[in-house]
Structure formats: structure tokens, C-alpha cells
Amino acid sequence: MMKRTLLAAALAAFVATPAFAAECPKLMKSYDDAAAKNASKVTAEAKKLRADGEADHKAGKHTESMTALKKAGAIVGAM
């Protein structure tokens, strides 16, 4: 029973990862569009979070990437 549960969890994580990977570029574009419209809201923290999100995406850390990009987007009004 425990093996099946672990296997199901691993399979779910494996299947979900590509979905997260596809979401990161959308969040980056959303941030970029909002930052262009609301330049006064772009802070050093927002820029750092955006850069961290892109780096995490490229490193395959999609959950971390989405977290950083959502925070950055919230700062500039993308969310």
C-alpha cells in the first residue's frame, strides 16, 4: 500500500512539472508587460525577483520560479 502511494505521488509530480514549466514564461511576460506600463512600480526587489524567477526556470526549479515571479508581478501590478 505504501509503495503504491509513493509511486502515485512521484508520478503526479513528474506529470505536473511540465505544466509548471509552461507557466513560468507566461508569468515572466505578464511581469514584463506590467512593468512597461507601470515603470514607477518597478523596484529593486521586483527586478531581483524577476531575475531569480527566470534563473530558477532555466534551472528546472519551476515551483520556486513561479513563486518568485508571482511576487514580482504583484509588486508591479501584474496580478
PDB file of N, CA and C in Angstrom:
ATOM      1  N   MET A   1       0.824  -1.202   0.000  1.00  0.00           N
ATOM      2  CA  MET A   1       0.000   0.000   0.000  1.00  0.00           C
ATOM      3  C   MET A   1       0.864   1.260   0.000  1.00  0.00           C
ATOM      4  N   MET A   2       1.902   1.262   0.822  1.00  0.00           N
ATOM      5  CA  MET A   2       2.779   2.435   0.910  1.00  0.00           C
ATOM      6  C   MET A   2       3.533   2.643  -0.401  1.00  0.00           C
ATOM      7  N   LYS A   3       3.949   1.553  -1.032  1.00  0.00           N
ATOM      8  CA  LYS A   3       4.660   1.670  -2.305  1.00  0.00           C
ATOM      9  C   LYS A   3       3.766   2.302  -3.365  1.00  0.00           C
ATOM     10  N   ARG A   4       2.519   1.913  -3.389  1.00  0.00           N
ATOM     11  CA  ARG A   4       1.594   2.469  -4.373  1.00  0.00           C
ATOM     12  C   ARG A   4       1.376   3.963  -4.140  1.00  0.00           C
ATOM     13  N   THR A   5       1.269   4.345  -2.887  1.00  0.00           N
ATOM     14  CA  THR A   5       1.067   5.754  -2.566  1.00  0.00           C
ATOM     15  C   THR A   5       2.271   6.578  -2.994  1.00  0.00           C
ATOM     16  N   LEU A   6       3.453   6.099  -2.688  1.00  0.00           N
ATOM     17  CA  LEU A   6       4.673   6.802  -3.080  1.00  0.00           C
ATOM     18  C   LEU A   6       4.822   6.855  -4.592  1.00  0.00           C
ATOM     19  N   LEU A   7       4.511   5.768  -5.243  1.00  0.00           N
ATOM     20  CA  LEU A   7       4.585   5.728  -6.698  1.00  0.00           C
ATOM     21  C   LEU A   7       3.591   6.714  -7.322  1.00  0.00           C
ATOM     22  N   ALA A   8       2.399   6.769  -6.782  1.00  0.00           N
ATOM     23  CA  ALA A   8       1.389   7.699  -7.295  1.00  0.00           C
ATOM     24  C   ALA A   8       1.836   9.146  -7.094  1.00  0.00           C
ATOM     25  N   ALA A   9       2.422   9.445  -5.948  1.00  0.00           N
ATOM     26  CA  ALA A   9       2.899  10.803  -5.669  1.00  0.00           C
ATOM     27  C   ALA A   9       4.037  11.179  -6.615  1.00  0.00           C
ATOM     28  N   ALA A  10       4.946  10.257  -6.831  1.00  0.00           N
ATOM     29  CA  ALA A  10       6.072  10.517  -7.739  1.00  0.00           C
ATOM     30  C   ALA A  10       5.572  10.718  -9.165  1.00  0.00           C
ATOM     31  N   LEU A  11       4.639   9.934  -9.581  1.00  0.00           N
ATOM     32  CA  LEU A  11       4.079  10.062 -10.921  1.00  0.00           C
ATOM     33  C   LEU A  11       3.344  11.396 -11.082  1.00  0.00           C
ATOM     34  N   ALA A  12       2.598  11.781 -10.074  1.00  0.00           N
ATOM     35  CA  ALA A  12       1.881  13.059 -10.137  1.00  0.00           C
ATOM     36  C   ALA A  12       2.865  14.222 -10.242  1.00  0.00           C
ATOM     37  N   ALA A  13       3.943  14.171  -9.485  1.00  0.00           N
ATOM     38  CA  ALA A  13       4.952  15.234  -9.541  1.00  0.00           C
ATOM     39  C   ALA A  13       5.620  15.257 -10.917  1.00  0.00           C
ATOM     40  N   PHE A  14       5.901  14.111 -11.465  1.00  0.00           N
ATOM     41  CA  PHE A  14       6.530  14.016 -12.777  1.00  0.00           C
ATOM     42  C   PHE A  14       5.631  14.583 -13.865  1.00  0.00           C
ATOM     43  N   VAL A  15       4.350  14.304 -13.789  1.00  0.00           N
ATOM     44  CA  VAL A  15       3.400  14.772 -14.789  1.00  0.00           C
ATOM     45  C   VAL A  15       3.155  16.269 -14.633  1.00  0.00           C
ATOM     46  N   ALA A  16       3.158  16.783 -13.421  1.00  0.00           N
ATOM     47  CA  ALA A  16       2.852  18.194 -13.163  1.00  0.00           C
ATOM     48  C   ALA A  16       4.011  19.116 -13.532  1.00  0.00           C
ATOM     49  N   THR A  17       5.234  18.649 -13.504  1.00  0.00           N
ATOM     50  CA  THR A  17       6.394  19.503 -13.764  1.00  0.00           C
ATOM     51  C   THR A  17       6.336  20.199 -15.123  1.00  0.00           C
ATOM     52  N   PRO A  18       5.992  19.524 -16.208  1.00  0.00           N
ATOM     53  CA  PRO A  18       5.894  20.239 -17.487  1.00  0.00           C
ATOM     54  C   PRO A  18       4.826  21.335 -17.474  1.00  0.00           C
ATOM     55  N   ALA A  19       3.771  21.135 -16.724  1.00  0.00           N
ATOM     56  CA  ALA A  19       2.738  22.168 -16.631  1.00  0.00           C
ATOM     57  C   ALA A  19       3.295  23.407 -15.951  1.00  0.00           C
ATOM     58  N   PHE A  20       4.085  23.226 -14.897  1.00  0.00           N
ATOM     59  CA  PHE A  20       4.721  24.356 -14.225  1.00  0.00           C
ATOM     60  C   PHE A  20       5.703  25.038 -15.170  1.00  0.00           C
ATOM     61  N   ALA A  21       6.418  24.252 -15.947  1.00  0.00           N
ATOM     62  CA  ALA A  21       7.417  24.812 -16.860  1.00  0.00           C
ATOM     63  C   ALA A  21       6.763  25.738 -17.887  1.00  0.00           C
ATOM     64  N   ALA A  22       5.577  25.389 -18.308  1.00  0.00           N
ATOM     65  CA  ALA A  22       4.881  26.207 -19.299  1.00  0.00           C
ATOM     66  C   ALA A  22       4.322  27.479 -18.674  1.00  0.00           C
ATOM     67  N   GLU A  23       4.076  27.474 -17.385  1.00  0.00           N
ATOM     68  CA  GLU A  23       3.504  28.634 -16.713  1.00  0.00           C
ATOM     69  C   GLU A  23       4.532  29.737 -16.487  1.00  0.00           C
ATOM     70  N   CYS A  24       5.779  29.385 -16.270  1.00  0.00           N
ATOM     71  CA  CYS A  24       6.829  30.364 -15.970  1.00  0.00           C
ATOM     72  C   CYS A  24       6.964  31.441 -17.060  1.00  0.00           C
ATOM     73  N   PRO A  25       7.071  31.076 -18.328  1.00  0.00           N
ATOM     74  CA  PRO A  25       7.184  32.113 -19.358  1.00  0.00           C
ATOM     75  C   PRO A  25       5.971  33.044 -19.399  1.00  0.00           C
ATOM     76  N   LYS A  26       4.792  32.519 -19.113  1.00  0.00           N
ATOM     77  CA  LYS A  26       3.592  33.359 -19.087  1.00  0.00           C
ATOM     78  C   LYS A  26       3.701  34.382 -17.962  1.00  0.00           C
ATOM     79  N   LEU A  27       4.191  33.948 -16.795  1.00  0.00           N
ATOM     80  CA  LEU A  27       4.349  34.866 -15.674  1.00  0.00           C
ATOM     81  C   LEU A  27       5.422  35.914 -15.967  1.00  0.00           C
ATOM     82  N   MET A  28       6.494  35.500 -16.644  1.00  0.00           N
ATOM     83  CA  MET A  28       7.546  36.456 -16.995  1.00  0.00           C
ATOM     84  C   MET A  28       6.988  37.515 -17.951  1.00  0.00           C
ATOM     85  N   LYS A  29       6.208  37.093 -18.934  1.00  0.00           N
ATOM     86  CA  LYS A  29       5.628  38.042 -19.882  1.00  0.00           C
ATOM     87  C   LYS A  29       4.645  38.969 -19.180  1.00  0.00           C
ATOM     88  N   SER A  30       3.870  38.421 -18.291  1.00  0.00           N
ATOM     89  CA  SER A  30       2.913  39.230 -17.550  1.00  0.00           C
ATOM     90  C   SER A  30       3.637  40.302 -16.738  1.00  0.00           C
ATOM     91  N   TYR A  31       4.731  39.909 -16.072  1.00  0.00           N
ATOM     92  CA  TYR A  31       5.541  40.872 -15.314  1.00  0.00           C
ATOM     93  C   TYR A  31       6.097  41.937 -16.258  1.00  0.00           C
ATOM     94  N   ASP A  32       6.695  41.497 -17.351  1.00  0.00           N
ATOM     95  CA  ASP A  32       7.323  42.440 -18.293  1.00  0.00           C
ATOM     96  C   ASP A  32       6.316  43.445 -18.839  1.00  0.00           C
ATOM     97  N   ASP A  33       5.121  42.984 -19.186  1.00  0.00           N
ATOM     98  CA  ASP A  33       4.086  43.877 -19.709  1.00  0.00           C
ATOM     99  C   ASP A  33       3.657  44.895 -18.657  1.00  0.00           C
ATOM    100  N   ALA A  34       3.441  44.417 -17.426  1.00  0.00           N
ATOM    101  CA  ALA A  34       3.024  45.319 -16.352  1.00  0.00           C
ATOM    102  C   ALA A  34       4.137  46.295 -15.985  1.00  0.00           C
ATOM    103  N   ALA A  35       5.367  45.840 -16.003  1.00  0.00           N
ATOM    104  CA  ALA A  35       6.498  46.705 -15.668  1.00  0.00           C
ATOM    105  C   ALA A  35       6.649  47.818 -16.712  1.00  0.00           C
ATOM    106  N   ALA A  36       6.387  47.492 -17.960  1.00  0.00           N
ATOM    107  CA  ALA A  36       6.473  48.504 -19.022  1.00  0.00           C
ATOM    108  C   ALA A  36       5.386  49.564 -18.865  1.00  0.00           C
ATOM    109  N   LYS A  37       4.208  49.155 -18.395  1.00  0.00           N
ATOM    110  CA  LYS A  37       3.098  50.086 -18.223  1.00  0.00           C
ATOM    111  C   LYS A  37       3.198  50.876 -16.911  1.00  0.00           C
ATOM    112  N   ASN A  38       3.783  50.252 -15.900  1.00  0.00           N
ATOM    113  CA  ASN A  38       3.839  50.846 -14.564  1.00  0.00           C
ATOM    114  C   ASN A  38       5.286  50.994 -14.105  1.00  0.00           C
ATOM    115  N   ALA A  39       6.080  51.712 -14.854  1.00  0.00           N
ATOM    116  CA  ALA A  39       7.505  51.838 -14.547  1.00  0.00           C
ATOM    117  C   ALA A  39       7.755  52.376 -13.143  1.00  0.00           C
ATOM    118  N   SER A  40       6.854  53.192 -12.623  1.00  0.00           N
ATOM    119  CA  SER A  40       7.039  53.753 -11.290  1.00  0.00           C
ATOM    120  C   SER A  40       6.929  52.698 -10.189  1.00  0.00           C
ATOM    121  N   LYS A  41       6.311  51.564 -10.494  1.00  0.00           N
ATOM    122  CA  LYS A  41       6.156  50.486  -9.503  1.00  0.00           C
ATOM    123  C   LYS A  41       7.319  49.497  -9.517  1.00  0.00           C
ATOM    124  N   VAL A  42       8.188  49.593 -10.498  1.00  0.00           N
ATOM    125  CA  VAL A  42       9.302  48.651 -10.612  1.00  0.00           C
ATOM    126  C   VAL A  42      10.357  49.013  -9.570  1.00  0.00           C
ATOM    127  N   THR A  43      10.560  48.102  -8.635  1.00  0.00           N
ATOM    128  CA  THR A  43      11.525  48.313  -7.562  1.00  0.00           C
ATOM    129  C   THR A  43      12.710  47.369  -7.742  1.00  0.00           C
ATOM    130  N   ALA A  44      13.744  47.604  -6.958  1.00  0.00           N
ATOM    131  CA  ALA A  44      14.903  46.706  -6.996  1.00  0.00           C
ATOM    132  C   ALA A  44      14.484  45.299  -6.593  1.00  0.00           C
ATOM    133  N   GLU A  45      13.575  45.209  -5.623  1.00  0.00           N
ATOM    134  CA  GLU A  45      13.098  43.888  -5.186  1.00  0.00           C
ATOM    135  C   GLU A  45      12.359  43.188  -6.314  1.00  0.00           C
ATOM    136  N   ALA A  46      11.514  43.917  -7.036  1.00  0.00           N
ATOM    137  CA  ALA A  46      10.768  43.327  -8.147  1.00  0.00           C
ATOM    138  C   ALA A  46      11.718  42.837  -9.235  1.00  0.00           C
ATOM    139  N   LYS A  47      12.722  43.644  -9.556  1.00  0.00           N
ATOM    140  CA  LYS A  47      13.704  43.243 -10.570  1.00  0.00           C
ATOM    141  C   LYS A  47      14.454  41.993 -10.141  1.00  0.00           C
ATOM    142  N   LYS A  48      14.833  41.928  -8.846  1.00  0.00           N
ATOM    143  CA  LYS A  48      15.563  40.761  -8.343  1.00  0.00           C
ATOM    144  C   LYS A  48      14.684  39.515  -8.396  1.00  0.00           C
ATOM    145  N   LEU A  49      13.436  39.650  -7.964  1.00  0.00           N
ATOM    146  CA  LEU A  49      12.522  38.513  -8.004  1.00  0.00           C
ATOM    147  C   LEU A  49      12.304  38.035  -9.436  1.00  0.00           C
ATOM    148  N   ARG A  50      12.185  38.959 -10.373  1.00  0.00           N
ATOM    149  CA  ARG A  50      12.001  38.601 -11.788  1.00  0.00           C
ATOM    150  C   ARG A  50      13.219  37.835 -12.302  1.00  0.00           C
ATOM    151  N   ALA A  51      14.415  38.327 -11.969  1.00  0.00           N
ATOM    152  CA  ALA A  51      15.653  37.669 -12.402  1.00  0.00           C
ATOM    153  C   ALA A  51      15.795  36.295 -11.737  1.00  0.00           C
ATOM    154  N   ASP A  52      15.470  36.221 -10.459  1.00  0.00           N
ATOM    155  CA  ASP A  52      15.535  34.939  -9.749  1.00  0.00           C
ATOM    156  C   ASP A  52      14.547  33.939 -10.356  1.00  0.00           C
ATOM    157  N   GLY A  53      13.363  34.431 -10.696  1.00  0.00           N
ATOM    158  CA  GLY A  53      12.357  33.555 -11.295  1.00  0.00           C
ATOM    159  C   GLY A  53      12.804  32.983 -12.626  1.00  0.00           C
ATOM    160  N   GLU A  54      13.433  33.822 -13.434  1.00  0.00           N
ATOM    161  CA  GLU A  54      13.938  33.337 -14.717  1.00  0.00           C
ATOM    162  C   GLU A  54      15.076  32.337 -14.523  1.00  0.00           C
ATOM    163  N   ALA A  55      15.968  32.637 -13.587  1.00  0.00           N
ATOM    164  CA  ALA A  55      17.087  31.718 -13.321  1.00  0.00           C
ATOM    165  C   ALA A  55      16.579  30.379 -12.793  1.00  0.00           C
ATOM    166  N   ASP A  56      15.597  30.421 -11.891  1.00  0.00           N
ATOM    167  CA  ASP A  56      15.027  29.170 -11.379  1.00  0.00           C
ATOM    168  C   ASP A  56      14.353  28.382 -12.490  1.00  0.00           C
ATOM    169  N   HIS A  57      13.658  29.076 -13.383  1.00  0.00           N
ATOM    170  CA  HIS A  57      13.009  28.402 -14.512  1.00  0.00           C
ATOM    171  C   HIS A  57      14.045  27.681 -15.370  1.00  0.00           C
ATOM    172  N   LYS A  58      15.131  28.373 -15.684  1.00  0.00           N
ATOM    173  CA  LYS A  58      16.177  27.771 -16.511  1.00  0.00           C
ATOM    174  C   LYS A  58      16.850  26.604 -15.808  1.00  0.00           C
ATOM    175  N   ALA A  59      16.877  26.639 -14.468  1.00  0.00           N
ATOM    176  CA  ALA A  59      17.491  25.560 -13.683  1.00  0.00           C
ATOM    177  C   ALA A  59      16.520  24.401 -13.446  1.00  0.00           C
ATOM    178  N   GLY A  60      15.289  24.550 -13.926  1.00  0.00           N
ATOM    179  CA  GLY A  60      14.312  23.480 -13.749  1.00  0.00           C
ATOM    180  C   GLY A  60      13.588  23.529 -12.414  1.00  0.00           C
ATOM    181  N   LYS A  61      13.748  24.606 -11.671  1.00  0.00           N
ATOM    182  CA  LYS A  61      13.093  24.770 -10.366  1.00  0.00           C
ATOM    183  C   LYS A  61      11.806  25.575 -10.585  1.00  0.00           C
ATOM    184  N   HIS A  62      10.814  24.950 -11.147  1.00  0.00           N
ATOM    185  CA  HIS A  62       9.637  25.667 -11.606  1.00  0.00           C
ATOM    186  C   HIS A  62       8.733  26.143 -10.467  1.00  0.00           C
ATOM    187  N   THR A  63       8.656  25.401  -9.391  1.00  0.00           N
ATOM    188  CA  THR A  63       7.848  25.854  -8.266  1.00  0.00           C
ATOM    189  C   THR A  63       8.437  27.127  -7.679  1.00  0.00           C
ATOM    190  N   GLU A  64       9.754  27.141  -7.484  1.00  0.00           N
ATOM    191  CA  GLU A  64      10.428  28.324  -6.954  1.00  0.00           C
ATOM    192  C   GLU A  64      10.310  29.490  -7.931  1.00  0.00           C
ATOM    193  N   SER A  65      10.420  29.182  -9.217  1.00  0.00           N
ATOM    194  CA  SER A  65      10.310  30.201 -10.247  1.00  0.00           C
ATOM    195  C   SER A  65       8.943  30.870 -10.202  1.00  0.00           C
ATOM    196  N   MET A  66       7.901  30.077 -10.133  1.00  0.00           N
ATOM    197  CA  MET A  66       6.551  30.620 -10.113  1.00  0.00           C
ATOM    198  C   MET A  66       6.324  31.471  -8.868  1.00  0.00           C
ATOM    199  N   THR A  67       6.853  31.046  -7.747  1.00  0.00           N
ATOM    200  CA  THR A  67       6.703  31.817  -6.506  1.00  0.00           C
ATOM    201  C   THR A  67       7.345  33.190  -6.655  1.00  0.00           C
ATOM    202  N   ALA A  68       8.584  33.217  -7.136  1.00  0.00           N
ATOM    203  CA  ALA A  68       9.298  34.489  -7.299  1.00  0.00           C
ATOM    204  C   ALA A  68       8.609  35.380  -8.324  1.00  0.00           C
ATOM    205  N   LEU A  69       8.188  34.793  -9.429  1.00  0.00           N
ATOM    206  CA  LEU A  69       7.548  35.585 -10.489  1.00  0.00           C
ATOM    207  C   LEU A  69       6.192  36.143 -10.051  1.00  0.00           C
ATOM    208  N   LYS A  70       5.456  35.387  -9.269  1.00  0.00           N
ATOM    209  CA  LYS A  70       4.171  35.878  -8.768  1.00  0.00           C
ATOM    210  C   LYS A  70       4.385  37.048  -7.802  1.00  0.00           C
ATOM    211  N   LYS A  71       5.402  36.943  -6.956  1.00  0.00           N
ATOM    212  CA  LYS A  71       5.715  38.047  -6.040  1.00  0.00           C
ATOM    213  C   LYS A  71       6.120  39.290  -6.821  1.00  0.00           C
ATOM    214  N   ALA A  72       6.963  39.101  -7.816  1.00  0.00           N
ATOM    215  CA  ALA A  72       7.413  40.228  -8.652  1.00  0.00           C
ATOM    216  C   ALA A  72       6.226  40.859  -9.372  1.00  0.00           C
ATOM    217  N   GLY A  73       5.360  40.023  -9.903  1.00  0.00           N
ATOM    218  CA  GLY A  73       4.183  40.511 -10.603  1.00  0.00           C
ATOM    219  C   GLY A  73       3.246  41.290  -9.687  1.00  0.00           C
ATOM    220  N   ALA A  74       3.114  40.834  -8.462  1.00  0.00           N
ATOM    221  CA  ALA A  74       2.248  41.532  -7.509  1.00  0.00           C
ATOM    222  C   ALA A  74       2.781  42.931  -7.218  1.00  0.00           C
ATOM    223  N   ILE A  75       4.090  43.074  -7.174  1.00  0.00           N
ATOM    224  CA  ILE A  75       4.695  44.380  -6.894  1.00  0.00           C
ATOM    225  C   ILE A  75       4.394  45.379  -8.011  1.00  0.00           C
ATOM    226  N   VAL A  76       4.471  44.923  -9.242  1.00  0.00           N
ATOM    227  CA  VAL A  76       4.265  45.854 -10.380  1.00  0.00           C
ATOM    228  C   VAL A  76       2.820  45.884 -10.874  1.00  0.00           C
ATOM    229  N   GLY A  77       1.969  45.134 -10.252  1.00  0.00           N
ATOM    230  CA  GLY A  77       0.559  45.167 -10.619  1.00  0.00           C
ATOM    231  C   GLY A  77       0.154  44.224 -11.727  1.00  0.00           C
ATOM    232  N   ALA A  78       0.919  43.180 -11.936  1.00  0.00           N
ATOM    233  CA  ALA A  78       0.598  42.222 -12.989  1.00  0.00           C
ATOM    234  C   ALA A  78      -0.458  41.212 -12.538  1.00  0.00           C
ATOM    235  N   MET A  79      -0.638  41.054 -11.258  1.00  0.00           N
ATOM    236  CA  MET A  79      -1.557  40.043 -10.744  1.00  0.00           C
ATOM    237  C   MET A  79      -2.822  40.680 -10.194  1.00  0.00           C
TER     238      MET A  79
END
